[in-house]
N, C-alpha and C. Protein backbone atom coordinates (compact mmCIF):
# COMPACT_ATOMS: atom_id res chain seq x y z
N MET A 1 289.47 185.35 19.98
CA MET A 1 288.37 186.16 20.37
C MET A 1 287.39 186.30 19.14
N ILE A 2 285.96 186.12 19.45
CA ILE A 2 285.06 186.29 18.27
C ILE A 2 284.37 187.61 18.67
N ILE A 3 284.24 188.44 17.72
CA ILE A 3 283.69 189.77 17.72
C ILE A 3 282.51 189.85 16.81
N GLY A 4 281.33 190.12 17.34
CA GLY A 4 280.25 190.24 16.52
C GLY A 4 280.11 191.69 15.87
N ILE A 5 279.72 191.77 14.66
CA ILE A 5 279.51 193.14 14.09
C ILE A 5 277.94 193.15 13.62
N THR A 6 277.33 194.13 14.21
CA THR A 6 275.86 194.21 13.74
C THR A 6 275.44 195.61 13.48
N GLY A 7 274.22 195.83 12.93
CA GLY A 7 273.77 197.10 12.61
C GLY A 7 272.62 196.93 11.72
N GLY A 8 271.64 197.82 11.65
CA GLY A 8 270.56 197.80 10.81
C GLY A 8 270.86 198.01 9.28
N ILE A 9 270.04 197.60 8.47
CA ILE A 9 270.27 197.72 7.07
C ILE A 9 270.75 199.16 6.61
N GLY A 10 271.96 199.13 5.94
CA GLY A 10 272.40 200.45 5.47
C GLY A 10 273.28 201.24 6.55
N SER A 11 273.60 200.59 7.50
CA SER A 11 274.28 201.03 8.66
C SER A 11 275.94 201.27 8.36
N GLY A 12 276.44 200.46 7.45
CA GLY A 12 277.77 200.41 7.20
C GLY A 12 278.56 199.29 7.62
N LYS A 13 277.81 198.27 8.17
CA LYS A 13 278.65 196.97 8.78
C LYS A 13 279.45 196.34 7.76
N THR A 14 278.84 196.26 6.53
CA THR A 14 279.63 195.51 5.46
C THR A 14 280.93 196.34 5.09
N THR A 15 280.82 197.62 5.10
CA THR A 15 282.06 198.59 4.79
C THR A 15 282.96 198.21 5.92
N LEU A 16 282.63 197.99 7.18
CA LEU A 16 283.64 197.82 8.29
C LEU A 16 284.18 196.34 8.06
N SER A 17 283.35 195.35 7.70
CA SER A 17 283.95 193.98 7.55
C SER A 17 284.72 194.06 6.33
N ASP A 18 284.53 194.77 5.19
CA ASP A 18 285.41 194.91 4.06
C ASP A 18 286.81 195.60 4.66
N LEU A 19 286.78 196.47 5.47
CA LEU A 19 288.08 197.02 5.90
C LEU A 19 288.80 196.14 6.71
N LEU A 20 288.05 195.33 7.64
CA LEU A 20 288.81 194.31 8.33
C LEU A 20 289.53 193.19 7.55
N ARG A 21 288.69 192.77 6.57
CA ARG A 21 289.21 191.75 5.59
C ARG A 21 290.41 192.24 4.89
N SER A 22 290.43 193.50 4.53
CA SER A 22 291.52 194.01 3.67
C SER A 22 292.80 194.23 4.67
N ASN A 23 292.59 194.28 6.01
CA ASN A 23 293.69 194.17 6.98
C ASN A 23 294.04 192.82 7.57
N GLY A 24 293.57 191.88 6.97
CA GLY A 24 293.88 190.42 7.26
C GLY A 24 293.11 189.77 8.16
N TYR A 25 291.99 190.32 8.66
CA TYR A 25 291.13 189.69 9.67
C TYR A 25 290.16 188.89 9.09
N PRO A 26 289.84 187.68 9.55
CA PRO A 26 288.73 186.80 8.87
C PRO A 26 287.36 187.26 9.40
N VAL A 27 286.42 187.41 8.47
CA VAL A 27 285.11 187.77 8.78
C VAL A 27 284.04 186.81 8.11
N TYR A 28 283.11 186.41 9.02
CA TYR A 28 282.19 185.39 8.44
C TYR A 28 280.78 186.31 8.18
N ASP A 29 280.39 186.37 7.04
CA ASP A 29 279.15 187.20 6.64
C ASP A 29 277.99 186.12 6.67
N THR A 30 277.12 186.34 7.82
CA THR A 30 275.90 185.56 7.99
C THR A 30 274.95 185.62 6.80
N ASP A 31 274.82 186.61 6.22
CA ASP A 31 273.92 186.88 5.25
C ASP A 31 274.32 186.10 3.89
N LYS A 32 275.66 186.35 3.61
CA LYS A 32 276.14 185.70 2.36
C LYS A 32 276.24 184.10 2.62
N GLU A 33 276.56 183.73 3.88
CA GLU A 33 276.53 182.31 3.96
C GLU A 33 275.21 181.67 4.17
N ALA A 34 274.13 182.41 4.53
CA ALA A 34 272.84 181.85 4.60
C ALA A 34 272.43 181.73 3.17
N ARG A 35 272.66 182.59 2.44
CA ARG A 35 272.27 182.48 0.78
C ARG A 35 273.03 181.20 0.31
N ARG A 36 274.20 180.91 0.60
CA ARG A 36 274.92 179.78 0.05
C ARG A 36 274.24 178.44 0.74
N LEU A 37 273.89 178.54 1.91
CA LEU A 37 273.50 177.27 2.62
C LEU A 37 271.92 176.97 2.12
N GLN A 38 271.19 178.01 1.86
CA GLN A 38 269.93 177.97 1.31
C GLN A 38 269.80 177.30 0.05
N ASN A 39 271.02 177.41 -0.75
CA ASN A 39 271.07 176.72 -2.16
C ASN A 39 271.94 175.39 -2.03
N GLU A 40 272.50 175.16 -1.03
CA GLU A 40 273.34 173.92 -0.91
C GLU A 40 272.98 172.90 0.16
N ASN A 41 272.55 173.34 1.28
CA ASN A 41 272.16 172.40 2.43
C ASN A 41 270.91 171.62 2.14
N ALA A 42 270.88 170.46 1.85
CA ALA A 42 269.70 169.59 1.39
C ALA A 42 268.60 169.61 2.49
N ALA A 43 268.84 169.60 3.77
CA ALA A 43 267.84 169.63 4.68
C ALA A 43 267.13 171.00 4.73
N LEU A 44 268.05 172.02 4.61
CA LEU A 44 267.47 173.31 4.72
C LEU A 44 266.57 173.51 3.35
N ILE A 45 267.10 173.11 2.37
CA ILE A 45 266.35 173.30 1.04
C ILE A 45 264.94 172.64 1.23
N ASP A 46 264.88 171.35 1.75
CA ASP A 46 263.59 170.67 1.98
C ASP A 46 262.76 171.52 2.82
N GLN A 47 263.21 171.97 4.02
CA GLN A 47 262.37 172.72 4.82
C GLN A 47 261.88 173.96 4.35
N THR A 48 262.76 174.73 3.58
CA THR A 48 262.33 175.91 2.91
C THR A 48 261.14 175.65 1.75
N LYS A 49 261.29 174.52 0.95
CA LYS A 49 260.26 174.19 0.16
C LYS A 49 258.94 173.88 0.93
N ALA A 50 259.06 173.21 2.18
CA ALA A 50 257.92 172.84 2.84
C ALA A 50 257.21 174.08 3.23
N LEU A 51 258.12 175.26 3.58
CA LEU A 51 257.44 176.47 4.11
C LEU A 51 256.76 177.21 2.94
N PHE A 52 257.55 177.27 1.82
CA PHE A 52 257.05 178.28 0.85
C PHE A 52 256.45 177.64 -0.50
N GLY A 53 256.70 176.20 -0.63
CA GLY A 53 256.27 175.46 -1.77
C GLY A 53 257.49 175.18 -2.59
N ALA A 54 257.46 173.94 -3.48
CA ALA A 54 258.57 173.65 -4.12
C ALA A 54 258.91 174.68 -5.14
N ASP A 55 258.00 175.50 -5.74
CA ASP A 55 258.43 176.32 -6.87
C ASP A 55 259.20 177.52 -6.33
N ILE A 56 259.51 177.74 -5.07
CA ILE A 56 260.20 178.73 -4.45
C ILE A 56 261.74 178.72 -5.00
N TYR A 57 262.10 177.48 -5.46
CA TYR A 57 263.46 177.30 -6.08
C TYR A 57 263.34 177.28 -7.60
N LYS A 58 264.12 178.13 -8.28
CA LYS A 58 264.15 178.28 -9.71
C LYS A 58 265.45 177.87 -10.17
N ASP A 59 265.61 176.81 -11.10
CA ASP A 59 266.79 176.45 -11.49
C ASP A 59 268.01 176.12 -10.33
N GLY A 60 267.39 175.53 -9.23
CA GLY A 60 268.31 175.15 -8.13
C GLY A 60 268.61 176.31 -7.13
N GLU A 61 268.06 177.52 -7.49
CA GLU A 61 268.37 178.62 -6.58
C GLU A 61 267.27 179.07 -6.03
N LEU A 62 267.18 179.54 -4.68
CA LEU A 62 265.99 180.04 -3.92
C LEU A 62 265.81 181.39 -4.63
N ASP A 63 264.52 181.63 -4.88
CA ASP A 63 264.01 182.93 -5.45
C ASP A 63 263.88 183.93 -4.25
N ARG A 64 264.93 184.52 -4.01
CA ARG A 64 265.04 185.48 -2.92
C ARG A 64 264.13 186.64 -2.93
N ALA A 65 263.87 187.14 -4.07
CA ALA A 65 263.06 188.44 -4.31
C ALA A 65 261.61 187.97 -3.89
N THR A 66 261.17 186.73 -4.26
CA THR A 66 259.73 186.29 -3.88
C THR A 66 259.67 186.09 -2.37
N VAL A 67 260.63 185.39 -1.88
CA VAL A 67 260.67 185.27 -0.33
C VAL A 67 260.76 186.54 0.34
N ALA A 68 261.45 187.50 -0.05
CA ALA A 68 261.69 188.81 0.59
C ALA A 68 260.26 189.46 0.52
N SER A 69 259.58 189.48 -0.71
CA SER A 69 258.36 190.14 -0.76
C SER A 69 257.29 189.50 0.18
N MET A 70 257.42 188.24 0.36
CA MET A 70 256.51 187.54 1.32
C MET A 70 256.73 187.81 2.81
N VAL A 71 258.04 187.60 3.23
CA VAL A 71 258.28 187.59 4.62
C VAL A 71 258.46 189.02 5.22
N PHE A 72 258.62 190.09 4.44
CA PHE A 72 258.67 191.40 5.07
C PHE A 72 257.20 191.96 5.13
N ARG A 73 256.41 191.28 4.61
CA ARG A 73 254.78 191.67 4.80
C ARG A 73 254.27 190.70 5.79
N GLN A 74 254.83 189.71 6.11
CA GLN A 74 254.18 188.67 7.09
C GLN A 74 255.18 188.30 8.23
N PRO A 75 255.31 189.08 9.26
CA PRO A 75 256.38 188.85 10.28
C PRO A 75 256.44 187.48 10.93
N GLU A 76 255.30 186.79 10.84
CA GLU A 76 255.28 185.33 11.43
C GLU A 76 256.06 184.50 10.43
N LEU A 77 256.00 184.59 9.07
CA LEU A 77 256.59 183.88 8.14
C LEU A 77 258.15 184.07 8.24
N LEU A 78 258.55 185.43 8.38
CA LEU A 78 259.96 185.71 8.68
C LEU A 78 260.49 185.00 9.91
N LYS A 79 259.73 184.85 10.89
CA LYS A 79 260.07 184.17 12.14
C LYS A 79 260.32 182.65 11.79
N GLN A 80 259.29 182.07 11.06
CA GLN A 80 259.50 180.68 10.67
C GLN A 80 260.72 180.43 9.86
N LEU A 81 260.92 181.40 8.92
CA LEU A 81 262.21 181.21 7.93
C LEU A 81 263.47 181.26 8.79
N SER A 82 263.42 182.38 9.71
CA SER A 82 264.63 182.49 10.52
C SER A 82 264.87 181.21 11.43
N ALA A 83 263.87 180.71 11.98
CA ALA A 83 264.13 179.43 12.73
C ALA A 83 264.68 178.18 11.95
N LEU A 84 264.44 178.25 10.66
CA LEU A 84 265.02 177.28 9.78
C LEU A 84 266.42 177.58 9.50
N VAL A 85 266.76 178.79 9.16
CA VAL A 85 268.05 179.16 8.71
C VAL A 85 268.97 179.50 9.85
N HIS A 86 268.73 180.07 10.86
CA HIS A 86 269.74 180.38 11.82
C HIS A 86 270.50 179.34 12.33
N PRO A 87 269.83 178.27 12.83
CA PRO A 87 270.58 177.09 13.46
C PRO A 87 271.64 176.45 12.47
N VAL A 88 271.33 176.48 11.08
CA VAL A 88 272.27 175.89 10.10
C VAL A 88 273.46 176.79 9.99
N VAL A 89 273.06 178.21 9.82
CA VAL A 89 274.25 179.09 9.68
C VAL A 89 275.07 179.15 11.07
N LYS A 90 274.50 178.98 12.20
CA LYS A 90 275.33 178.92 13.45
C LYS A 90 276.25 177.75 13.52
N GLU A 91 275.82 176.56 12.97
CA GLU A 91 276.59 175.41 12.88
C GLU A 91 277.70 175.64 11.82
N ASP A 92 277.47 176.18 10.72
CA ASP A 92 278.44 176.49 9.75
C ASP A 92 279.47 177.42 10.27
N PHE A 93 279.01 178.50 10.99
CA PHE A 93 280.02 179.45 11.63
C PHE A 93 280.89 178.77 12.64
N LYS A 94 280.40 177.86 13.43
CA LYS A 94 281.20 177.23 14.41
C LYS A 94 282.33 176.30 13.72
N GLU A 95 281.97 175.65 12.75
CA GLU A 95 282.97 174.87 11.86
C GLU A 95 284.00 175.85 11.32
N TRP A 96 283.54 176.86 10.76
CA TRP A 96 284.39 177.90 10.08
C TRP A 96 285.35 178.40 11.30
N ALA A 97 284.83 178.80 12.38
CA ALA A 97 285.67 179.55 13.42
C ALA A 97 286.73 178.56 13.94
N SER A 98 286.37 177.27 14.01
CA SER A 98 287.26 176.29 14.58
C SER A 98 288.61 176.10 13.79
N SER A 99 288.66 176.59 12.67
CA SER A 99 289.92 176.49 11.81
C SER A 99 290.87 177.63 12.08
N PHE A 100 290.51 178.54 12.99
CA PHE A 100 291.44 179.73 13.17
C PHE A 100 292.24 179.46 14.52
N ASN A 101 293.29 180.14 14.59
CA ASN A 101 294.08 180.12 15.75
C ASN A 101 293.30 180.80 16.88
N SER A 102 293.42 180.16 18.11
CA SER A 102 292.49 180.74 19.15
C SER A 102 293.18 182.16 19.70
N THR A 103 294.23 182.58 19.22
CA THR A 103 294.77 183.82 19.93
C THR A 103 294.53 185.12 18.99
N GLY A 104 293.85 184.80 17.84
CA GLY A 104 293.63 185.95 16.95
C GLY A 104 292.17 186.48 17.09
N LEU A 105 291.85 187.61 16.34
CA LEU A 105 290.46 188.15 16.32
C LEU A 105 289.91 187.52 15.08
N ILE A 106 288.59 187.00 15.25
CA ILE A 106 287.79 186.69 14.09
C ILE A 106 286.43 187.44 14.28
N PHE A 107 285.77 187.62 13.29
CA PHE A 107 284.43 188.46 13.26
C PHE A 107 283.45 187.68 12.62
N ILE A 108 282.20 187.98 13.09
CA ILE A 108 280.99 187.52 12.51
C ILE A 108 280.01 188.63 12.35
N GLU A 109 279.73 188.91 11.07
CA GLU A 109 278.89 190.17 10.67
C GLU A 109 277.30 189.49 10.47
N SER A 110 276.55 190.25 11.19
CA SER A 110 275.09 189.73 11.11
C SER A 110 274.17 190.95 11.38
N ALA A 111 273.27 191.33 10.64
CA ALA A 111 272.39 192.25 10.87
C ALA A 111 271.27 191.83 11.90
N VAL A 112 271.18 190.62 12.07
CA VAL A 112 270.36 190.05 13.13
C VAL A 112 271.07 189.28 14.27
N LEU A 113 272.27 189.84 14.63
CA LEU A 113 273.12 189.30 15.78
C LEU A 113 272.34 189.04 16.91
N PHE A 114 271.51 189.93 17.47
CA PHE A 114 270.80 189.67 18.64
C PHE A 114 269.56 188.87 18.34
N GLU A 115 268.77 189.21 17.18
CA GLU A 115 267.50 188.61 16.99
C GLU A 115 267.76 187.16 16.74
N GLY A 116 268.75 186.75 16.04
CA GLY A 116 269.14 185.29 15.79
C GLY A 116 270.00 184.75 16.94
N LYS A 117 270.35 185.36 17.96
CA LYS A 117 271.14 184.96 19.10
C LYS A 117 272.44 184.54 18.68
N PHE A 118 272.96 185.15 17.64
CA PHE A 118 274.47 184.93 17.18
C PHE A 118 275.38 185.49 18.22
N ASN A 119 274.69 186.57 18.96
CA ASN A 119 275.66 187.18 20.00
C ASN A 119 276.09 186.22 21.13
N LEU A 120 275.33 185.12 21.32
CA LEU A 120 275.88 184.13 22.24
C LEU A 120 277.04 183.31 21.80
N LEU A 121 277.47 183.64 20.50
CA LEU A 121 278.65 182.97 19.98
C LEU A 121 279.92 183.84 20.19
N THR A 122 279.61 185.11 20.67
CA THR A 122 280.82 186.14 20.62
C THR A 122 281.29 186.49 21.92
N ASP A 123 282.46 187.11 21.91
CA ASP A 123 283.05 187.55 23.16
C ASP A 123 282.76 189.05 23.32
N LYS A 124 282.74 189.75 22.26
CA LYS A 124 282.47 191.26 22.12
C LYS A 124 281.48 191.59 20.89
N VAL A 125 280.74 192.73 20.99
CA VAL A 125 279.88 193.02 20.10
C VAL A 125 280.15 194.46 19.65
N ILE A 126 280.21 194.69 18.33
CA ILE A 126 280.25 196.07 17.78
C ILE A 126 279.00 196.39 17.07
N LEU A 127 278.50 197.51 17.33
CA LEU A 127 277.23 198.18 16.69
C LEU A 127 277.66 199.30 15.68
N VAL A 128 277.27 199.08 14.37
CA VAL A 128 277.59 200.04 13.53
C VAL A 128 276.29 200.63 13.22
N THR A 129 276.13 201.98 13.32
CA THR A 129 274.86 202.68 13.23
C THR A 129 275.11 204.03 12.47
N ALA A 130 274.01 204.40 12.01
CA ALA A 130 273.82 205.79 11.28
C ALA A 130 272.36 206.25 11.52
N ALA A 131 272.12 207.48 11.32
CA ALA A 131 270.82 208.05 11.37
C ALA A 131 269.82 207.24 10.33
N GLU A 132 268.63 207.11 10.70
CA GLU A 132 267.77 206.35 9.94
C GLU A 132 267.56 206.93 8.47
N ASP A 133 267.43 208.20 8.31
CA ASP A 133 267.39 208.70 7.00
C ASP A 133 268.55 208.46 6.20
N VAL A 134 269.72 208.51 6.80
CA VAL A 134 271.02 208.06 6.06
C VAL A 134 270.85 206.63 5.67
N ARG A 135 270.58 205.83 6.50
CA ARG A 135 270.51 204.40 6.15
C ARG A 135 269.44 204.18 5.01
N ILE A 136 268.28 204.81 5.11
CA ILE A 136 267.30 204.58 4.05
C ILE A 136 267.85 205.13 2.74
N ASN A 137 268.49 206.24 2.73
CA ASN A 137 269.03 206.70 1.45
C ASN A 137 270.07 205.82 0.84
N ARG A 138 270.99 205.30 1.79
CA ARG A 138 272.03 204.38 1.22
C ARG A 138 271.42 203.17 0.65
N VAL A 139 270.41 202.48 1.30
CA VAL A 139 269.77 201.32 0.80
C VAL A 139 269.07 201.50 -0.56
N MET A 140 268.39 202.61 -0.41
CA MET A 140 267.54 202.92 -1.80
C MET A 140 268.56 203.10 -2.96
N LYS A 141 269.64 203.81 -2.65
CA LYS A 141 270.46 203.82 -3.87
C LYS A 141 271.40 202.56 -4.06
N ARG A 142 271.59 201.81 -3.13
CA ARG A 142 272.47 200.61 -3.34
C ARG A 142 271.72 199.50 -4.01
N ASP A 143 270.34 199.34 -3.43
CA ASP A 143 269.54 198.13 -3.83
C ASP A 143 268.48 198.52 -4.70
N GLY A 144 268.14 199.82 -5.06
CA GLY A 144 267.08 200.06 -5.87
C GLY A 144 265.70 199.85 -5.29
N LEU A 145 265.62 199.94 -4.01
CA LEU A 145 264.32 199.70 -3.22
C LEU A 145 263.70 201.07 -3.04
N THR A 146 262.41 200.87 -2.87
CA THR A 146 261.64 202.19 -2.50
C THR A 146 261.82 202.48 -0.98
N LYS A 147 261.48 203.63 -0.54
CA LYS A 147 261.55 204.08 0.88
C LYS A 147 260.64 203.10 1.65
N GLU A 148 259.55 202.76 1.20
CA GLU A 148 258.69 202.02 1.93
C GLU A 148 259.26 200.63 2.22
N GLN A 149 259.91 200.05 1.16
CA GLN A 149 260.47 198.74 1.28
C GLN A 149 261.56 198.74 2.28
N VAL A 150 262.37 199.88 2.34
CA VAL A 150 263.43 199.74 3.27
C VAL A 150 262.91 200.01 4.62
N VAL A 151 262.04 200.89 4.83
CA VAL A 151 261.36 201.11 6.13
C VAL A 151 260.76 199.73 6.63
N SER A 152 260.17 199.01 5.77
CA SER A 152 259.59 197.68 6.23
C SER A 152 260.60 196.80 6.72
N ARG A 153 261.74 196.83 6.07
CA ARG A 153 262.90 195.90 6.60
C ARG A 153 263.48 196.43 7.91
N ILE A 154 263.56 197.66 8.10
CA ILE A 154 264.06 198.44 9.19
C ILE A 154 263.10 198.00 10.50
N LYS A 155 261.79 197.97 10.24
CA LYS A 155 260.71 197.64 11.20
C LYS A 155 260.98 196.19 11.84
N ASN A 156 261.66 195.31 10.99
CA ASN A 156 261.66 193.97 11.30
C ASN A 156 263.06 193.61 12.15
N GLN A 157 263.80 194.69 12.43
CA GLN A 157 265.01 194.72 13.13
C GLN A 157 264.95 195.32 14.62
N ILE A 158 265.63 194.79 15.44
CA ILE A 158 265.60 195.48 16.85
C ILE A 158 266.22 196.79 16.70
N PRO A 159 265.65 197.94 17.26
CA PRO A 159 266.17 199.38 17.05
C PRO A 159 267.47 199.47 17.50
N ASP A 160 268.34 200.28 16.91
CA ASP A 160 269.76 200.38 17.23
C ASP A 160 269.99 200.97 18.68
N ALA A 161 269.09 201.74 19.20
CA ALA A 161 269.18 202.12 20.57
C ALA A 161 269.30 200.89 21.48
N ILE A 162 268.51 199.78 21.24
CA ILE A 162 268.50 198.76 22.19
C ILE A 162 269.70 198.02 21.95
N LYS A 163 270.11 197.83 20.65
CA LYS A 163 271.42 197.12 20.33
C LYS A 163 272.62 197.72 20.96
N ALA A 164 272.58 199.15 20.97
CA ALA A 164 273.75 199.89 21.58
C ALA A 164 273.89 199.44 23.09
N GLN A 165 272.78 199.27 23.75
CA GLN A 165 272.85 198.95 25.15
C GLN A 165 273.63 197.55 25.38
N LYS A 166 273.47 196.74 24.28
CA LYS A 166 274.09 195.39 24.54
C LYS A 166 275.45 195.30 23.71
N SER A 167 275.99 196.33 23.31
CA SER A 167 277.18 196.43 22.59
C SER A 167 278.30 196.83 23.23
N ASP A 168 279.54 196.46 22.96
CA ASP A 168 280.69 196.90 23.79
C ASP A 168 281.35 198.09 23.03
N LEU A 169 280.93 198.18 21.68
CA LEU A 169 281.59 199.39 21.01
C LEU A 169 280.38 199.77 20.03
N VAL A 170 280.23 201.11 19.90
CA VAL A 170 279.29 201.59 18.94
C VAL A 170 280.01 202.59 18.03
N ILE A 171 279.93 202.28 16.64
CA ILE A 171 280.54 203.18 15.64
C ILE A 171 279.55 203.85 14.82
N TYR A 172 279.57 205.18 14.78
CA TYR A 172 278.70 206.01 14.03
C TYR A 172 279.24 206.27 12.67
N THR A 173 278.38 205.88 11.57
CA THR A 173 278.84 206.06 10.23
C THR A 173 278.11 207.04 9.30
N ASP A 174 277.41 207.96 10.03
CA ASP A 174 276.73 209.09 9.23
C ASP A 174 277.61 209.66 8.07
N GLN A 175 278.94 209.88 8.47
CA GLN A 175 279.79 210.39 7.44
C GLN A 175 280.84 209.50 7.05
N GLY A 176 280.54 208.19 7.10
CA GLY A 176 281.43 207.19 6.52
C GLY A 176 282.17 206.55 7.93
N LEU A 177 283.09 205.59 7.78
CA LEU A 177 283.67 205.05 8.74
C LEU A 177 284.79 206.03 9.37
N PRO A 178 284.88 206.11 10.72
CA PRO A 178 285.91 206.99 11.28
C PRO A 178 287.17 206.54 10.92
N ASP A 179 288.21 207.46 10.73
CA ASP A 179 289.54 207.14 10.25
C ASP A 179 290.26 206.16 11.38
N ASP A 180 289.95 206.28 12.55
CA ASP A 180 290.59 205.51 13.66
C ASP A 180 289.88 204.31 13.94
N VAL A 181 288.90 203.75 13.21
CA VAL A 181 288.04 202.63 13.52
C VAL A 181 288.79 201.43 13.86
N LEU A 182 289.88 201.13 13.13
CA LEU A 182 290.66 199.90 13.43
C LEU A 182 291.29 199.96 14.83
N LYS A 183 291.79 201.14 15.20
CA LYS A 183 292.45 201.28 16.56
C LYS A 183 291.45 200.95 17.58
N SER A 184 290.12 201.44 17.50
CA SER A 184 289.13 201.06 18.37
C SER A 184 288.81 199.56 18.65
N ILE A 185 289.11 198.84 17.53
CA ILE A 185 288.88 197.29 17.54
C ILE A 185 289.96 196.48 17.91
N ILE A 186 291.18 196.88 17.37
CA ILE A 186 292.30 195.80 17.71
C ILE A 186 292.82 195.91 19.10
N ILE A 187 292.35 196.72 19.95
CA ILE A 187 292.73 196.77 21.34
C ILE A 187 292.43 195.46 21.99
N TRP A 188 291.35 194.80 21.45
CA TRP A 188 290.86 193.57 21.86
C TRP A 188 291.80 192.50 21.64
N GLN A 189 292.77 192.64 20.67
CA GLN A 189 293.56 191.61 20.20
C GLN A 189 294.51 191.03 21.24
N ASP A 190 294.87 191.97 22.29
CA ASP A 190 295.96 191.61 23.20
C ASP A 190 295.44 190.81 24.37
């Protein structure tokens, strides 16, 4: 069974993923793998250079800070980049997922699970959420971003209220992960 984990920036989805990994569950992190693929997949590199210019790569690595500063101010550019990256990540995930026993639980973590249609690859979806001010403060502290930068990123994601309607389980993390969070998830293992 494939379970999607989603939530807005600063919601705590990575904390949940880390807990799952520490308990032996495989978790595919779409953000991490997208970064890897943007630096390794030749076709994706060529398409990204065509979109942003050849100098968007420095010493063989995508200049993510420059890309972020551009796409979060220009929603159309973000859509174009997503249209390049998401199909490559989906194929990589399918290959990764095929290596696991079909009777266990595997997870895919993605902030843009619904936006990128990664939910179509899942059997169940978990939304990890927290109050917006909690999320903003977490990200400002974690990433050193300004409040305006965090709010700009939040505006590019589907609101959690809409994601909750499409999810099988909603986990609230204003006070951190609930103690019984694993029990809420592993019921799907049977």
